[in-house]
Amino acid sequence: AAIRAAWLAIAHAVAQNGRPTALLGPLAPFHFEGMPPSRWVLRMHFLLLDCRDEVRRQRSEARPPWRARDIEEQLAWASWLRGHIDDNIDTNSTSVDETAASVAAWIRTRLRL
């Protein structure tokens, strides 16, 4: 909660200078509900970078052991996100550069840059 509050404070400070802010991280709308700093933010938009469960499983299993996560938990979280985040980018077969370009285009559209 403290880190999310700090992110909101930074977004607010940047907005006071007339600039929009994009926060990138594993967050969902409920992470900000009821947080006092959220009153400083006019709008929040959420984007899901998503892939099929088989691809997510392959990617997770290919990670080094120190980055290991409970794959079933990740699949459940992905399913929840799919049901609650409307905007998404399919990353099944796109390169990192293609995905980054798609994210940038989405941000420009949402923030009217």
PDB file of N, CA and C in Angstrom:
ATOM      1  N   ALA A   1       0.827  -1.197   0.000  1.00  0.00           N
ATOM      2  CA  ALA A   1       0.000   0.000   0.000  1.00  0.00           C
ATOM      3  C   ALA A   1       0.870   1.260   0.000  1.00  0.00           C
ATOM      4  N   ALA A   2       1.964   1.230   0.723  1.00  0.00           N
ATOM      5  CA  ALA A   2       2.838   2.404   0.799  1.00  0.00           C
ATOM      6  C   ALA A   2       3.459   2.723  -0.560  1.00  0.00           C
ATOM      7  N   ILE A   3       3.847   1.694  -1.285  1.00  0.00           N
ATOM      8  CA  ILE A   3       4.436   1.918  -2.607  1.00  0.00           C
ATOM      9  C   ILE A   3       3.378   2.466  -3.567  1.00  0.00           C
ATOM     10  N   ARG A   4       2.180   1.916  -3.514  1.00  0.00           N
ATOM     11  CA  ARG A   4       1.121   2.422  -4.381  1.00  0.00           C
ATOM     12  C   ARG A   4       0.799   3.877  -4.047  1.00  0.00           C
ATOM     13  N   ALA A   5       0.776   4.219  -2.770  1.00  0.00           N
ATOM     14  CA  ALA A   5       0.533   5.605  -2.362  1.00  0.00           C
ATOM     15  C   ALA A   5       1.639   6.516  -2.877  1.00  0.00           C
ATOM     16  N   ALA A   6       2.872   6.052  -2.829  1.00  0.00           N
ATOM     17  CA  ALA A   6       3.990   6.848  -3.344  1.00  0.00           C
ATOM     18  C   ALA A   6       3.843   7.051  -4.849  1.00  0.00           C
ATOM     19  N   TRP A   7       3.457   5.992  -5.569  1.00  0.00           N
ATOM     20  CA  TRP A   7       3.254   6.126  -7.013  1.00  0.00           C
ATOM     21  C   TRP A   7       2.188   7.174  -7.318  1.00  0.00           C
ATOM     22  N   LEU A   8       1.093   7.143  -6.546  1.00  0.00           N
ATOM     23  CA  LEU A   8       0.034   8.124  -6.765  1.00  0.00           C
ATOM     24  C   LEU A   8       0.515   9.536  -6.460  1.00  0.00           C
ATOM     25  N   ALA A   9       1.331   9.683  -5.437  1.00  0.00           N
ATOM     26  CA  ALA A   9       1.871  11.002  -5.099  1.00  0.00           C
ATOM     27  C   ALA A   9       2.766  11.518  -6.231  1.00  0.00           C
ATOM     28  N   ILE A  10       3.561  10.655  -6.807  1.00  0.00           N
ATOM     29  CA  ILE A  10       4.418  11.046  -7.932  1.00  0.00           C
ATOM     30  C   ILE A  10       3.562  11.417  -9.144  1.00  0.00           C
ATOM     31  N   ALA A  11       2.557  10.593  -9.444  1.00  0.00           N
ATOM     32  CA  ALA A  11       1.665  10.893 -10.565  1.00  0.00           C
ATOM     33  C   ALA A  11       0.997  12.248 -10.362  1.00  0.00           C
ATOM     34  N   HIS A  12       0.583  12.534  -9.144  1.00  0.00           N
ATOM     35  CA  HIS A  12      -0.051  13.810  -8.837  1.00  0.00           C
ATOM     36  C   HIS A  12       0.924  14.969  -9.033  1.00  0.00           C
ATOM     37  N   ALA A  13       2.144  14.802  -8.542  1.00  0.00           N
ATOM     38  CA  ALA A  13       3.149  15.861  -8.680  1.00  0.00           C
ATOM     39  C   ALA A  13       3.448  16.142 -10.151  1.00  0.00           C
ATOM     40  N   VAL A  14       3.546  15.097 -10.942  1.00  0.00           N
ATOM     41  CA  VAL A  14       3.800  15.271 -12.378  1.00  0.00           C
ATOM     42  C   VAL A  14       2.606  15.960 -13.028  1.00  0.00           C
ATOM     43  N   ALA A  15       1.402  15.558 -12.652  1.00  0.00           N
ATOM     44  CA  ALA A  15       0.189  16.148 -13.225  1.00  0.00           C
ATOM     45  C   ALA A  15       0.086  17.633 -12.891  1.00  0.00           C
ATOM     46  N   GLN A  16       0.555  18.022 -11.725  1.00  0.00           N
ATOM     47  CA  GLN A  16       0.518  19.441 -11.353  1.00  0.00           C
ATOM     48  C   GLN A  16       1.385  20.282 -12.285  1.00  0.00           C
ATOM     49  N   ASN A  17       2.319  19.645 -12.945  1.00  0.00           N
ATOM     50  CA  ASN A  17       3.169  20.327 -13.905  1.00  0.00           C
ATOM     51  C   ASN A  17       2.653  20.152 -15.334  1.00  0.00           C
ATOM     52  N   GLY A  18       1.408  19.684 -15.459  1.00  0.00           N
ATOM     53  CA  GLY A  18       0.774  19.586 -16.765  1.00  0.00           C
ATOM     54  C   GLY A  18       1.161  18.381 -17.587  1.00  0.00           C
ATOM     55  N   ARG A  19       1.740  17.365 -16.982  1.00  0.00           N
ATOM     56  CA  ARG A  19       2.171  16.178 -17.711  1.00  0.00           C
ATOM     57  C   ARG A  19       1.410  14.952 -17.215  1.00  0.00           C
ATOM     58  N   PRO A  20       0.998  14.100 -18.132  1.00  0.00           N
ATOM     59  CA  PRO A  20       0.362  12.841 -17.715  1.00  0.00           C
ATOM     60  C   PRO A  20       1.422  11.850 -17.238  1.00  0.00           C
ATOM     61  N   THR A  21       0.978  10.859 -16.514  1.00  0.00           N
ATOM     62  CA  THR A  21       1.876   9.844 -15.979  1.00  0.00           C
ATOM     63  C   THR A  21       1.355   8.464 -16.321  1.00  0.00           C
ATOM     64  N   ALA A  22       2.254   7.584 -16.691  1.00  0.00           N
ATOM     65  CA  ALA A  22       1.912   6.178 -16.911  1.00  0.00           C
ATOM     66  C   ALA A  22       2.677   5.356 -15.884  1.00  0.00           C
ATOM     67  N   LEU A  23       1.967   4.589 -15.097  1.00  0.00           N
ATOM     68  CA  LEU A  23       2.575   3.682 -14.134  1.00  0.00           C
ATOM     69  C   LEU A  23       2.475   2.278 -14.701  1.00  0.00           C
ATOM     70  N   LEU A  24       3.570   1.590 -14.748  1.00  0.00           N
ATOM     71  CA  LEU A  24       3.591   0.244 -15.300  1.00  0.00           C
ATOM     72  C   LEU A  24       3.903  -0.739 -14.178  1.00  0.00           C
ATOM     73  N   GLY A  25       3.022  -1.686 -13.977  1.00  0.00           N
ATOM     74  CA  GLY A  25       3.260  -2.670 -12.935  1.00  0.00           C
ATOM     75  C   GLY A  25       2.118  -3.647 -12.844  1.00  0.00           C
ATOM     76  N   PRO A  26       2.264  -4.634 -11.990  1.00  0.00           N
ATOM     77  CA  PRO A  26       1.231  -5.672 -11.847  1.00  0.00           C
ATOM     78  C   PRO A  26       0.117  -5.207 -10.911  1.00  0.00           C
ATOM     79  N   LEU A  27      -0.682  -4.274 -11.388  1.00  0.00           N
ATOM     80  CA  LEU A  27      -1.707  -3.664 -10.541  1.00  0.00           C
ATOM     81  C   LEU A  27      -3.078  -3.800 -11.175  1.00  0.00           C
ATOM     82  N   ALA A  28      -4.083  -3.708 -10.333  1.00  0.00           N
ATOM     83  CA  ALA A  28      -5.474  -3.756 -10.779  1.00  0.00           C
ATOM     84  C   ALA A  28      -6.216  -2.615 -10.090  1.00  0.00           C
ATOM     85  N   PRO A  29      -7.382  -2.250 -10.602  1.00  0.00           N
ATOM     86  CA  PRO A  29      -8.116  -1.129 -10.013  1.00  0.00           C
ATOM     87  C   PRO A  29      -8.323  -1.245  -8.501  1.00  0.00           C
ATOM     88  N   PHE A  30      -8.601  -2.438  -8.009  1.00  0.00           N
ATOM     89  CA  PHE A  30      -8.875  -2.572  -6.578  1.00  0.00           C
ATOM     90  C   PHE A  30      -7.675  -2.225  -5.706  1.00  0.00           C
ATOM     91  N   HIS A  31      -6.475  -2.245  -6.267  1.00  0.00           N
ATOM     92  CA  HIS A  31      -5.290  -1.879  -5.493  1.00  0.00           C
ATOM     93  C   HIS A  31      -5.312  -0.418  -5.050  1.00  0.00           C
ATOM     94  N   PHE A  32      -6.106   0.409  -5.731  1.00  0.00           N
ATOM     95  CA  PHE A  32      -6.138   1.834  -5.425  1.00  0.00           C
ATOM     96  C   PHE A  32      -7.420   2.277  -4.728  1.00  0.00           C
ATOM     97  N   GLU A  33      -8.393   1.400  -4.625  1.00  0.00           N
ATOM     98  CA  GLU A  33      -9.663   1.752  -3.998  1.00  0.00           C
ATOM     99  C   GLU A  33      -9.453   2.115  -2.534  1.00  0.00           C
ATOM    100  N   GLY A  34     -10.048   3.227  -2.154  1.00  0.00           N
ATOM    101  CA  GLY A  34     -10.003   3.651  -0.762  1.00  0.00           C
ATOM    102  C   GLY A  34      -8.689   4.252  -0.313  1.00  0.00           C
ATOM    103  N   MET A  35      -7.735   4.371  -1.199  1.00  0.00           N
ATOM    104  CA  MET A  35      -6.455   4.981  -0.826  1.00  0.00           C
ATOM    105  C   MET A  35      -6.615   6.498  -0.862  1.00  0.00           C
ATOM    106  N   PRO A  36      -6.321   7.186   0.225  1.00  0.00           N
ATOM    107  CA  PRO A  36      -6.468   8.642   0.225  1.00  0.00           C
ATOM    108  C   PRO A  36      -5.756   9.348  -0.934  1.00  0.00           C
ATOM    109  N   PRO A  37      -4.545   8.947  -1.331  1.00  0.00           N
ATOM    110  CA  PRO A  37      -3.907   9.665  -2.441  1.00  0.00           C
ATOM    111  C   PRO A  37      -4.638   9.529  -3.777  1.00  0.00           C
ATOM    112  N   SER A  38      -5.551   8.551  -3.909  1.00  0.00           N
ATOM    113  CA  SER A  38      -6.246   8.376  -5.185  1.00  0.00           C
ATOM    114  C   SER A  38      -7.151   9.566  -5.491  1.00  0.00           C
ATOM    115  N   ARG A  39      -7.489  10.355  -4.489  1.00  0.00           N
ATOM    116  CA  ARG A  39      -8.321  11.540  -4.740  1.00  0.00           C
ATOM    117  C   ARG A  39      -7.589  12.580  -5.578  1.00  0.00           C
ATOM    118  N   TRP A  40      -6.271  12.480  -5.653  1.00  0.00           N
ATOM    119  CA  TRP A  40      -5.467  13.428  -6.425  1.00  0.00           C
ATOM    120  C   TRP A  40      -5.450  13.093  -7.910  1.00  0.00           C
ATOM    121  N   VAL A  41      -5.894  11.917  -8.266  1.00  0.00           N
ATOM    122  CA  VAL A  41      -5.800  11.454  -9.650  1.00  0.00           C
ATOM    123  C   VAL A  41      -7.175  11.551 -10.298  1.00  0.00           C
ATOM    124  N   LEU A  42      -7.243  12.291 -11.392  1.00  0.00           N
ATOM    125  CA  LEU A  42      -8.516  12.515 -12.072  1.00  0.00           C
ATOM    126  C   LEU A  42      -9.055  11.239 -12.710  1.00  0.00           C
ATOM    127  N   ARG A  43      -8.190  10.540 -13.471  1.00  0.00           N
ATOM    128  CA  ARG A  43      -8.602   9.323 -14.176  1.00  0.00           C
ATOM    129  C   ARG A  43      -7.498   8.282 -14.077  1.00  0.00           C
ATOM    130  N   MET A  44      -7.921   7.043 -14.050  1.00  0.00           N
ATOM    131  CA  MET A  44      -6.986   5.925 -14.150  1.00  0.00           C
ATOM    132  C   MET A  44      -7.476   5.007 -15.253  1.00  0.00           C
ATOM    133  N   HIS A  45      -6.544   4.546 -16.057  1.00  0.00           N
ATOM    134  CA  HIS A  45      -6.837   3.589 -17.113  1.00  0.00           C
ATOM    135  C   HIS A  45      -5.949   2.374 -16.880  1.00  0.00           C
ATOM    136  N   PHE A  46      -6.475   1.202 -17.145  1.00  0.00           N
ATOM    137  CA  PHE A  46      -5.723  -0.023 -16.945  1.00  0.00           C
ATOM    138  C   PHE A  46      -5.638  -0.793 -18.253  1.00  0.00           C
ATOM    139  N   LEU A  47      -4.469  -1.353 -18.497  1.00  0.00           N
ATOM    140  CA  LEU A  47      -4.209  -2.131 -19.705  1.00  0.00           C
ATOM    141  C   LEU A  47      -3.635  -3.476 -19.290  1.00  0.00           C
ATOM    142  N   LEU A  48      -4.161  -4.528 -19.843  1.00  0.00           N
ATOM    143  CA  LEU A  48      -3.683  -5.881 -19.562  1.00  0.00           C
ATOM    144  C   LEU A  48      -2.804  -6.370 -20.700  1.00  0.00           C
ATOM    145  N   LEU A  49      -1.566  -6.714 -20.397  1.00  0.00           N
ATOM    146  CA  LEU A  49      -0.711  -7.415 -21.356  1.00  0.00           C
ATOM    147  C   LEU A  49      -0.976  -8.888 -21.119  1.00  0.00           C
ATOM    148  N   ASP A  50      -1.539  -9.543 -22.092  1.00  0.00           N
ATOM    149  CA  ASP A  50      -2.047 -10.893 -21.866  1.00  0.00           C
ATOM    150  C   ASP A  50      -1.532 -11.876 -22.905  1.00  0.00           C
ATOM    151  N   CYS A  51      -1.549 -13.138 -22.527  1.00  0.00           N
ATOM    152  CA  CYS A  51      -1.214 -14.233 -23.437  1.00  0.00           C
ATOM    153  C   CYS A  51      -2.044 -15.443 -23.018  1.00  0.00           C
ATOM    154  N   ARG A  52      -2.107 -16.419 -23.902  1.00  0.00           N
ATOM    155  CA  ARG A  52      -2.834 -17.652 -23.585  1.00  0.00           C
ATOM    156  C   ARG A  52      -2.174 -18.331 -22.376  1.00  0.00           C
ATOM    157  N   ASP A  53      -2.962 -19.084 -21.664  1.00  0.00           N
ATOM    158  CA  ASP A  53      -2.444 -19.769 -20.473  1.00  0.00           C
ATOM    159  C   ASP A  53      -1.270 -20.693 -20.806  1.00  0.00           C
ATOM    160  N   GLU A  54      -1.327 -21.359 -21.977  1.00  0.00           N
ATOM    161  CA  GLU A  54      -0.217 -22.254 -22.344  1.00  0.00           C
ATOM    162  C   GLU A  54       1.079 -21.458 -22.514  1.00  0.00           C
ATOM    163  N   VAL A  55       0.970 -20.280 -23.113  1.00  0.00           N
ATOM    164  CA  VAL A  55       2.140 -19.425 -23.317  1.00  0.00           C
ATOM    165  C   VAL A  55       2.643 -18.920 -21.973  1.00  0.00           C
ATOM    166  N   ARG A  56       1.740 -18.501 -21.098  1.00  0.00           N
ATOM    167  CA  ARG A  56       2.123 -18.030 -19.759  1.00  0.00           C
ATOM    168  C   ARG A  56       2.862 -19.137 -18.996  1.00  0.00           C
ATOM    169  N   ARG A  57       2.339 -20.356 -19.100  1.00  0.00           N
ATOM    170  CA  ARG A  57       2.981 -21.491 -18.428  1.00  0.00           C
ATOM    171  C   ARG A  57       4.396 -21.710 -18.987  1.00  0.00           C
ATOM    172  N   GLN A  58       4.537 -21.695 -20.316  1.00  0.00           N
ATOM    173  CA  GLN A  58       5.861 -21.878 -20.937  1.00  0.00           C
ATOM    174  C   GLN A  58       6.835 -20.780 -20.500  1.00  0.00           C
ATOM    175  N   ARG A  59       6.373 -19.559 -20.518  1.00  0.00           N
ATOM    176  CA  ARG A  59       7.236 -18.441 -20.125  1.00  0.00           C
ATOM    177  C   ARG A  59       7.644 -18.550 -18.662  1.00  0.00           C
ATOM    178  N   SER A  60       6.705 -18.918 -17.823  1.00  0.00           N
ATOM    179  CA  SER A  60       7.013 -19.057 -16.393  1.00  0.00           C
ATOM    180  C   SER A  60       8.016 -20.176 -16.144  1.00  0.00           C
ATOM    181  N   GLU A  61       7.817 -21.290 -16.834  1.00  0.00           N
ATOM    182  CA  GLU A  61       8.723 -22.428 -16.649  1.00  0.00           C
ATOM    183  C   GLU A  61      10.121 -22.144 -17.197  1.00  0.00           C
ATOM    184  N   ALA A  62      10.228 -21.227 -18.154  1.00  0.00           N
ATOM    185  CA  ALA A  62      11.531 -20.894 -18.747  1.00  0.00           C
ATOM    186  C   ALA A  62      12.335 -19.907 -17.899  1.00  0.00           C
ATOM    187  N   ARG A  63      11.722 -19.334 -16.905  1.00  0.00           N
ATOM    188  CA  ARG A  63      12.420 -18.362 -16.060  1.00  0.00           C
ATOM    189  C   ARG A  63      13.455 -19.055 -15.188  1.00  0.00           C
ATOM    190  N   PRO A  64      14.488 -18.306 -14.792  1.00  0.00           N
ATOM    191  CA  PRO A  64      15.475 -18.894 -13.877  1.00  0.00           C
ATOM    192  C   PRO A  64      14.818 -19.225 -12.533  1.00  0.00           C
ATOM    193  N   PRO A  65      15.361 -20.176 -11.810  1.00  0.00           N
ATOM    194  CA  PRO A  65      14.747 -20.615 -10.546  1.00  0.00           C
ATOM    195  C   PRO A  65      14.487 -19.485  -9.553  1.00  0.00           C
ATOM    196  N   TRP A  66      15.358 -18.487  -9.502  1.00  0.00           N
ATOM    197  CA  TRP A  66      15.170 -17.415  -8.528  1.00  0.00           C
ATOM    198  C   TRP A  66      13.962 -16.537  -8.858  1.00  0.00           C
ATOM    199  N   ARG A  67      13.426 -16.659 -10.077  1.00  0.00           N
ATOM    200  CA  ARG A  67      12.224 -15.916 -10.462  1.00  0.00           C
ATOM    201  C   ARG A  67      10.990 -16.811 -10.457  1.00  0.00           C
ATOM    202  N   ALA A  68      11.098 -17.966  -9.877  1.00  0.00           N
ATOM    203  CA  ALA A  68       9.996 -18.930  -9.888  1.00  0.00           C
ATOM    204  C   ALA A  68       8.771 -18.361  -9.162  1.00  0.00           C
ATOM    205  N   ARG A  69       7.631 -18.642  -9.704  1.00  0.00           N
ATOM    206  CA  ARG A  69       6.351 -18.253  -9.122  1.00  0.00           C
ATOM    207  C   ARG A  69       5.417 -19.457  -9.219  1.00  0.00           C
ATOM    208  N   ASP A  70       4.395 -19.440  -8.404  1.00  0.00           N
ATOM    209  CA  ASP A  70       3.370 -20.467  -8.468  1.00  0.00           C
ATOM    210  C   ASP A  70       2.586 -20.264  -9.773  1.00  0.00           C
ATOM    211  N   ILE A  71       2.764 -21.160 -10.714  1.00  0.00           N
ATOM    212  CA  ILE A  71       2.161 -21.003 -12.031  1.00  0.00           C
ATOM    213  C   ILE A  71       0.638 -21.027 -11.945  1.00  0.00           C
ATOM    214  N   GLU A  72       0.085 -21.901 -11.131  1.00  0.00           N
ATOM    215  CA  GLU A  72      -1.381 -21.962 -11.018  1.00  0.00           C
ATOM    216  C   GLU A  72      -1.925 -20.649 -10.453  1.00  0.00           C
ATOM    217  N   GLU A  73      -1.203 -20.059  -9.536  1.00  0.00           N
ATOM    218  CA  GLU A  73      -1.607 -18.757  -8.987  1.00  0.00           C
ATOM    219  C   GLU A  73      -1.556 -17.683 -10.083  1.00  0.00           C
ATOM    220  N   GLN A  74      -0.532 -17.737 -10.912  1.00  0.00           N
ATOM    221  CA  GLN A  74      -0.424 -16.785 -12.022  1.00  0.00           C
ATOM    222  C   GLN A  74      -1.565 -16.960 -13.014  1.00  0.00           C
ATOM    223  N   LEU A  75      -1.922 -18.203 -13.297  1.00  0.00           N
ATOM    224  CA  LEU A  75      -3.025 -18.461 -14.225  1.00  0.00           C
ATOM    225  C   LEU A  75      -4.352 -17.954 -13.654  1.00  0.00           C
ATOM    226  N   ALA A  76      -4.534 -18.138 -12.355  1.00  0.00           N
ATOM    227  CA  ALA A  76      -5.757 -17.648 -11.714  1.00  0.00           C
ATOM    228  C   ALA A  76      -5.807 -16.117 -11.745  1.00  0.00           C
ATOM    229  N   TRP A  77      -4.678 -15.474 -11.482  1.00  0.00           N
ATOM    230  CA  TRP A  77      -4.600 -14.014 -11.516  1.00  0.00           C
ATOM    231  C   TRP A  77      -4.889 -13.517 -12.942  1.00  0.00           C
ATOM    232  N   ALA A  78      -4.321 -14.170 -13.939  1.00  0.00           N
ATOM    233  CA  ALA A  78      -4.567 -13.786 -15.332  1.00  0.00           C
ATOM    234  C   ALA A  78      -6.048 -13.910 -15.669  1.00  0.00           C
ATOM    235  N   SER A  79      -6.673 -14.956 -15.207  1.00  0.00           N
ATOM    236  CA  SER A  79      -8.098 -15.143 -15.453  1.00  0.00           C
ATOM    237  C   SER A  79      -8.909 -14.023 -14.805  1.00  0.00           C
ATOM    238  N   TRP A  80      -8.560 -13.673 -13.583  1.00  0.00           N
ATOM    239  CA  TRP A  80      -9.251 -12.578 -12.897  1.00  0.00           C
ATOM    240  C   TRP A  80      -9.080 -11.277 -13.679  1.00  0.00           C
ATOM    241  N   LEU A  81      -7.854 -10.999 -14.103  1.00  0.00           N
ATOM    242  CA  LEU A  81      -7.591  -9.763 -14.852  1.00  0.00           C
ATOM    243  C   LEU A  81      -8.396  -9.714 -16.144  1.00  0.00           C
ATOM    244  N   ARG A  82      -8.472 -10.836 -16.854  1.00  0.00           N
ATOM    245  CA  ARG A  82      -9.247 -10.882 -18.101  1.00  0.00           C
ATOM    246  C   ARG A  82     -10.709 -10.509 -17.871  1.00  0.00           C
ATOM    247  N   GLY A  83     -11.228 -10.861 -16.716  1.00  0.00           N
ATOM    248  CA  GLY A  83     -12.620 -10.555 -16.399  1.00  0.00           C
ATOM    249  C   GLY A  83     -12.847  -9.154 -15.878  1.00  0.00           C
ATOM    250  N   HIS A  84     -11.766  -8.430 -15.559  1.00  0.00           N
ATOM    251  CA  HIS A  84     -11.925  -7.123 -14.926  1.00  0.00           C
ATOM    252  C   HIS A  84     -11.212  -5.964 -15.629  1.00  0.00           C
ATOM    253  N   ILE A  85     -10.345  -6.252 -16.575  1.00  0.00           N
ATOM    254  CA  ILE A  85      -9.635  -5.201 -17.310  1.00  0.00           C
ATOM    255  C   ILE A  85     -10.096  -5.286 -18.767  1.00  0.00           C
ATOM    256  N   ASP A  86     -10.732  -4.234 -19.232  1.00  0.00           N
ATOM    257  CA  ASP A  86     -11.303  -4.261 -20.580  1.00  0.00           C
ATOM    258  C   ASP A  86     -10.258  -4.146 -21.683  1.00  0.00           C
ATOM    259  N   ASP A  87      -9.305  -3.254 -21.517  1.00  0.00           N
ATOM    260  CA  ASP A  87      -8.302  -3.030 -22.560  1.00  0.00           C
ATOM    261  C   ASP A  87      -7.169  -4.040 -22.411  1.00  0.00           C
ATOM    262  N   ASN A  88      -6.786  -4.644 -23.523  1.00  0.00           N
ATOM    263  CA  ASN A  88      -5.696  -5.615 -23.440  1.00  0.00           C
ATOM    264  C   ASN A  88      -4.898  -5.652 -24.729  1.00  0.00           C
ATOM    265  N   ILE A  89      -3.679  -6.127 -24.588  1.00  0.00           N
ATOM    266  CA  ILE A  89      -2.785  -6.344 -25.722  1.00  0.00           C
ATOM    267  C   ILE A  89      -2.368  -7.796 -25.681  1.00  0.00           C
ATOM    268  N   ASP A  90      -2.542  -8.472 -26.782  1.00  0.00           N
ATOM    269  CA  ASP A  90      -2.174  -9.876 -26.910  1.00  0.00           C
ATOM    270  C   ASP A  90      -0.665  -9.976 -27.140  1.00  0.00           C
ATOM    271  N   THR A  91       0.036 -10.656 -26.242  1.00  0.00           N
ATOM    272  CA  THR A  91       1.495 -10.795 -26.354  1.00  0.00           C
ATOM    273  C   THR A  91       1.914 -12.209 -26.717  1.00  0.00           C
ATOM    274  N   ASN A  92       0.981 -13.009 -27.231  1.00  0.00           N
ATOM    275  CA  ASN A  92       1.291 -14.405 -27.546  1.00  0.00           C
ATOM    276  C   ASN A  92       2.492 -14.552 -28.470  1.00  0.00           C
ATOM    277  N   SER A  93       2.537 -13.743 -29.503  1.00  0.00           N
ATOM    278  CA  SER A  93       3.597 -13.933 -30.494  1.00  0.00           C
ATOM    279  C   SER A  93       4.262 -12.629 -30.914  1.00  0.00           C
ATOM    280  N   THR A  94       4.085 -11.582 -30.133  1.00  0.00           N
ATOM    281  CA  THR A  94       4.703 -10.309 -30.492  1.00  0.00           C
ATOM    282  C   THR A  94       6.056 -10.163 -29.802  1.00  0.00           C
ATOM    283  N   SER A  95       6.926  -9.414 -30.435  1.00  0.00           N
ATOM    284  CA  SER A  95       8.236  -9.148 -29.838  1.00  0.00           C
ATOM    285  C   SER A  95       8.085  -8.105 -28.730  1.00  0.00           C
ATOM    286  N   VAL A  96       9.130  -7.952 -27.951  1.00  0.00           N
ATOM    287  CA  VAL A  96       9.129  -6.935 -26.898  1.00  0.00           C
ATOM    288  C   VAL A  96       8.940  -5.554 -27.530  1.00  0.00           C
ATOM    289  N   ASP A  97       9.634  -5.291 -28.621  1.00  0.00           N
ATOM    290  CA  ASP A  97       9.512  -3.991 -29.290  1.00  0.00           C
ATOM    291  C   ASP A  97       8.098  -3.752 -29.805  1.00  0.00           C
ATOM    292  N   GLU A  98       7.480  -4.778 -30.378  1.00  0.00           N
ATOM    293  CA  GLU A  98       6.107  -4.638 -30.874  1.00  0.00           C
ATOM    294  C   GLU A  98       5.139  -4.382 -29.719  1.00  0.00           C
ATOM    295  N   THR A  99       5.338  -5.095 -28.626  1.00  0.00           N
ATOM    296  CA  THR A  99       4.482  -4.903 -27.458  1.00  0.00           C
ATOM    297  C   THR A  99       4.659  -3.498 -26.902  1.00  0.00           C
ATOM    298  N   ALA A 100       5.898  -3.045 -26.789  1.00  0.00           N
ATOM    299  CA  ALA A 100       6.159  -1.691 -26.290  1.00  0.00           C
ATOM    300  C   ALA A 100       5.505  -0.642 -27.182  1.00  0.00           C
ATOM    301  N   ALA A 101       5.573  -0.827 -28.484  1.00  0.00           N
ATOM    302  CA  ALA A 101       4.940   0.113 -29.412  1.00  0.00           C
ATOM    303  C   ALA A 101       3.423   0.112 -29.224  1.00  0.00           C
ATOM    304  N   SER A 102       2.839  -1.048 -28.998  1.00  0.00           N
ATOM    305  CA  SER A 102       1.395  -1.142 -28.761  1.00  0.00           C
ATOM    306  C   SER A 102       1.007  -0.452 -27.463  1.00  0.00           C
ATOM    307  N   VAL A 103       1.816  -0.635 -26.427  1.00  0.00           N
ATOM    308  CA  VAL A 103       1.553   0.031 -25.149  1.00  0.00           C
ATOM    309  C   VAL A 103       1.638   1.548 -25.333  1.00  0.00           C
ATOM    310  N   ALA A 104       2.669   2.010 -26.009  1.00  0.00           N
ATOM    311  CA  ALA A 104       2.830   3.453 -26.244  1.00  0.00           C
ATOM    312  C   ALA A 104       1.646   4.014 -27.020  1.00  0.00           C
ATOM    313  N   ALA A 105       1.183   3.291 -28.024  1.00  0.00           N
ATOM    314  CA  ALA A 105       0.029   3.746 -28.808  1.00  0.00           C
ATOM    315  C   ALA A 105      -1.219   3.801 -27.931  1.00  0.00           C
ATOM    316  N   TRP A 106      -1.406   2.820 -27.083  1.00  0.00           N
ATOM    317  CA  TRP A 106      -2.561   2.799 -26.175  1.00  0.00           C
ATOM    318  C   TRP A 106      -2.480   3.994 -25.238  1.00  0.00           C
ATOM    319  N   ILE A 107      -1.314   4.262 -24.694  1.00  0.00           N
ATOM    320  CA  ILE A 107      -1.163   5.410 -23.778  1.00  0.00           C
ATOM    321  C   ILE A 107      -1.498   6.710 -24.499  1.00  0.00           C
ATOM    322  N   ARG A 108      -0.961   6.882 -25.705  1.00  0.00           N
ATOM    323  CA  ARG A 108      -1.252   8.110 -26.471  1.00  0.00           C
ATOM    324  C   ARG A 108      -2.758   8.267 -26.697  1.00  0.00           C
ATOM    325  N   THR A 109      -3.435   7.165 -26.992  1.00  0.00           N
ATOM    326  CA  THR A 109      -4.878   7.211 -27.218  1.00  0.00           C
ATOM    327  C   THR A 109      -5.613   7.591 -25.938  1.00  0.00           C
ATOM    328  N   ARG A 110      -5.260   6.965 -24.846  1.00  0.00           N
ATOM    329  CA  ARG A 110      -5.952   7.221 -23.586  1.00  0.00           C
ATOM    330  C   ARG A 110      -5.676   8.611 -23.040  1.00  0.00           C
ATOM    331  N   LEU A 111      -4.468   9.077 -23.202  1.00  0.00           N
ATOM    332  CA  LEU A 111      -4.084  10.368 -22.630  1.00  0.00           C
ATOM    333  C   LEU A 111      -4.192  11.500 -23.641  1.00  0.00           C
ATOM    334  N   ARG A 112      -4.604  11.143 -24.860  1.00  0.00           N
ATOM    335  CA  ARG A 112      -4.787  12.117 -25.937  1.00  0.00           C
ATOM    336  C   ARG A 112      -3.522  12.926 -26.176  1.00  0.00           C
ATOM    337  N   LEU A 113      -2.392  12.216 -26.278  1.00  0.00           N
ATOM    338  CA  LEU A 113      -1.098  12.880 -26.539  1.00  0.00           C
ATOM    339  C   LEU A 113      -0.879  13.061 -28.016  1.00  0.00           C
TER     340      LEU A 113
END
